[in-house]
């Protein structure tokens, strides 16, 4: 049974743009560990706030990724 994980992130002052680039690479790596879908959202209201989601068929795949 597939499950979606929601991982909130918050960047410190003046580093949100660099953080977004690095986090984007980490989010894409989820597919190497069995994620069937993944997203990265940046808040429009608070530009330091991010939400990563990923869909895994098995919890063990997520554990390996994390």
N, C-alpha and C. Protein backbone atom coordinates (compact mmCIF):
# COMPACT_ATOMS: atom_id res chain seq x y z
N UNK A 1 0.83 -1.17 0.00
CA UNK A 1 0.00 0.00 0.00
C UNK A 1 0.89 1.25 0.00
N UNK A 2 0.62 2.15 -0.89
CA UNK A 2 1.43 3.36 -1.03
C UNK A 2 1.10 4.35 0.09
N UNK A 3 2.11 5.14 0.44
CA UNK A 3 1.93 6.18 1.44
C UNK A 3 2.65 7.44 1.01
N UNK A 4 2.11 8.57 1.40
CA UNK A 4 2.72 9.86 1.07
C UNK A 4 3.29 10.45 2.35
N UNK A 5 4.55 10.84 2.30
CA UNK A 5 5.17 11.51 3.43
C UNK A 5 5.22 13.01 3.16
N UNK A 6 5.01 13.80 4.19
CA UNK A 6 5.08 15.26 4.11
C UNK A 6 6.20 15.69 5.06
N UNK A 7 7.20 16.34 4.51
CA UNK A 7 8.34 16.77 5.32
C UNK A 7 8.45 18.29 5.23
N UNK A 8 8.16 18.99 6.33
CA UNK A 8 8.29 20.45 6.30
C UNK A 8 9.75 20.85 6.54
N UNK A 9 10.18 21.89 5.85
CA UNK A 9 11.53 22.44 6.00
C UNK A 9 11.42 23.93 6.20
N UNK A 10 12.37 24.50 6.92
CA UNK A 10 12.41 25.95 7.09
C UNK A 10 13.87 26.40 6.98
N UNK A 11 14.12 27.33 6.06
CA UNK A 11 15.48 27.84 5.84
C UNK A 11 15.73 29.03 6.76
N UNK A 12 16.98 29.19 7.15
CA UNK A 12 17.35 30.34 7.97
C UNK A 12 17.45 31.59 7.11
N UNK A 13 17.55 32.72 7.74
CA UNK A 13 17.59 34.01 7.04
C UNK A 13 18.64 34.06 5.95
N UNK A 14 18.27 34.66 4.83
CA UNK A 14 19.15 34.94 3.69
C UNK A 14 19.73 33.69 3.03
N UNK A 15 19.23 32.52 3.36
CA UNK A 15 19.77 31.31 2.75
C UNK A 15 18.71 30.49 2.03
N UNK A 16 17.53 31.01 1.90
CA UNK A 16 16.42 30.24 1.33
C UNK A 16 16.67 29.84 -0.12
N UNK A 17 17.27 30.71 -0.92
CA UNK A 17 17.50 30.38 -2.33
C UNK A 17 18.53 29.27 -2.47
N UNK A 18 19.62 29.33 -1.73
CA UNK A 18 20.61 28.26 -1.76
C UNK A 18 20.04 26.96 -1.21
N UNK A 19 19.25 27.09 -0.16
CA UNK A 19 18.61 25.93 0.44
C UNK A 19 17.69 25.24 -0.55
N UNK A 20 16.96 26.04 -1.32
CA UNK A 20 16.04 25.49 -2.32
C UNK A 20 16.79 24.65 -3.36
N UNK A 21 17.93 25.12 -3.79
CA UNK A 21 18.72 24.37 -4.78
C UNK A 21 19.20 23.04 -4.21
N UNK A 22 19.75 23.07 -3.02
CA UNK A 22 20.23 21.84 -2.39
C UNK A 22 19.10 20.87 -2.08
N UNK A 23 18.00 21.39 -1.59
CA UNK A 23 16.86 20.55 -1.26
C UNK A 23 16.26 19.92 -2.51
N UNK A 24 16.28 20.65 -3.61
CA UNK A 24 15.79 20.10 -4.88
C UNK A 24 16.54 18.85 -5.29
N UNK A 25 17.86 18.85 -5.09
CA UNK A 25 18.65 17.67 -5.41
C UNK A 25 18.30 16.50 -4.50
N UNK A 26 18.09 16.78 -3.23
CA UNK A 26 17.74 15.73 -2.27
C UNK A 26 16.36 15.16 -2.57
N UNK A 27 15.44 16.01 -2.97
CA UNK A 27 14.08 15.55 -3.29
C UNK A 27 14.11 14.63 -4.51
N UNK A 28 14.87 15.00 -5.52
CA UNK A 28 14.97 14.16 -6.73
C UNK A 28 15.61 12.81 -6.41
N UNK A 29 16.48 12.76 -5.43
CA UNK A 29 17.13 11.49 -5.06
C UNK A 29 16.14 10.47 -4.53
N UNK A 30 14.97 10.90 -4.11
CA UNK A 30 13.96 9.97 -3.59
C UNK A 30 13.60 8.90 -4.61
N UNK A 31 13.64 9.25 -5.89
CA UNK A 31 13.30 8.27 -6.92
C UNK A 31 14.29 7.11 -6.95
N UNK A 32 15.51 7.34 -6.55
CA UNK A 32 16.52 6.27 -6.49
C UNK A 32 16.20 5.26 -5.40
N UNK A 33 15.36 5.68 -4.44
CA UNK A 33 15.00 4.81 -3.33
C UNK A 33 13.57 4.29 -3.43
N UNK A 34 12.99 4.41 -4.58
CA UNK A 34 11.68 3.80 -4.81
C UNK A 34 10.49 4.74 -4.77
N UNK A 35 10.70 6.04 -4.67
CA UNK A 35 9.57 6.97 -4.68
C UNK A 35 8.93 6.97 -6.06
N UNK A 36 7.63 6.87 -6.10
CA UNK A 36 6.93 6.89 -7.38
C UNK A 36 6.54 8.30 -7.79
N UNK A 37 6.53 9.22 -6.82
CA UNK A 37 6.25 10.64 -7.09
C UNK A 37 6.87 11.46 -5.99
N UNK A 38 7.26 12.69 -6.32
CA UNK A 38 7.80 13.59 -5.32
C UNK A 38 7.57 15.03 -5.76
N UNK A 39 7.47 15.92 -4.78
CA UNK A 39 7.28 17.34 -5.06
C UNK A 39 8.05 18.17 -4.04
N UNK A 40 8.30 19.40 -4.41
CA UNK A 40 8.86 20.38 -3.50
C UNK A 40 8.10 21.68 -3.72
N UNK A 41 7.46 22.17 -2.67
CA UNK A 41 6.69 23.41 -2.74
C UNK A 41 7.34 24.46 -1.87
N UNK A 42 7.41 25.68 -2.39
CA UNK A 42 7.92 26.82 -1.62
C UNK A 42 6.74 27.76 -1.37
N UNK A 43 6.57 28.13 -0.13
CA UNK A 43 5.46 29.00 0.26
C UNK A 43 5.59 30.37 -0.39
N UNK A 44 4.47 30.90 -0.84
CA UNK A 44 4.47 32.27 -1.39
C UNK A 44 4.39 33.31 -0.28
N UNK A 45 3.80 32.92 0.84
CA UNK A 45 3.63 33.85 1.95
C UNK A 45 4.89 33.96 2.81
N UNK A 46 5.59 32.86 2.99
CA UNK A 46 6.83 32.84 3.76
C UNK A 46 7.88 32.14 2.91
N UNK A 47 8.73 32.88 2.25
CA UNK A 47 9.67 32.33 1.26
C UNK A 47 10.74 31.44 1.87
N UNK A 48 10.76 31.32 3.19
CA UNK A 48 11.73 30.44 3.87
C UNK A 48 11.12 29.08 4.20
N UNK A 49 9.85 28.90 3.88
CA UNK A 49 9.10 27.69 4.24
C UNK A 49 8.95 26.79 3.01
N UNK A 50 9.30 25.51 3.18
CA UNK A 50 9.23 24.52 2.10
C UNK A 50 8.46 23.30 2.58
N UNK A 51 7.83 22.60 1.64
CA UNK A 51 7.17 21.34 1.94
C UNK A 51 7.58 20.32 0.88
N UNK A 52 8.19 19.26 1.36
CA UNK A 52 8.59 18.15 0.49
C UNK A 52 7.58 17.03 0.66
N UNK A 53 7.13 16.45 -0.44
CA UNK A 53 6.28 15.27 -0.37
C UNK A 53 6.88 14.18 -1.25
N UNK A 54 6.63 12.96 -0.88
CA UNK A 54 7.09 11.82 -1.69
C UNK A 54 6.15 10.66 -1.45
N UNK A 55 5.91 9.89 -2.49
CA UNK A 55 5.05 8.72 -2.42
C UNK A 55 5.91 7.48 -2.53
N UNK A 56 5.79 6.61 -1.54
CA UNK A 56 6.55 5.36 -1.52
C UNK A 56 5.57 4.20 -1.42
N UNK A 57 5.87 3.12 -2.10
CA UNK A 57 5.04 1.92 -2.04
C UNK A 57 5.26 1.16 -0.74
N UNK A 58 6.44 1.29 -0.16
CA UNK A 58 6.81 0.52 1.02
C UNK A 58 7.51 1.44 2.02
N UNK A 59 7.20 1.32 3.30
CA UNK A 59 7.83 2.14 4.32
C UNK A 59 9.34 1.91 4.36
N UNK A 60 9.77 0.71 4.09
CA UNK A 60 11.20 0.41 4.09
C UNK A 60 11.94 1.24 3.05
N UNK A 61 11.30 1.49 1.91
CA UNK A 61 11.92 2.35 0.89
C UNK A 61 12.12 3.77 1.43
N UNK A 62 11.12 4.27 2.14
CA UNK A 62 11.27 5.60 2.73
C UNK A 62 12.38 5.60 3.79
N UNK A 63 12.42 4.56 4.62
CA UNK A 63 13.46 4.47 5.63
C UNK A 63 14.85 4.47 5.01
N UNK A 64 15.01 3.80 3.89
CA UNK A 64 16.30 3.79 3.19
C UNK A 64 16.64 5.20 2.66
N UNK A 65 15.63 5.86 2.15
CA UNK A 65 15.84 7.23 1.63
C UNK A 65 16.22 8.17 2.76
N UNK A 66 15.48 8.12 3.86
CA UNK A 66 15.68 9.07 4.93
C UNK A 66 17.00 8.83 5.63
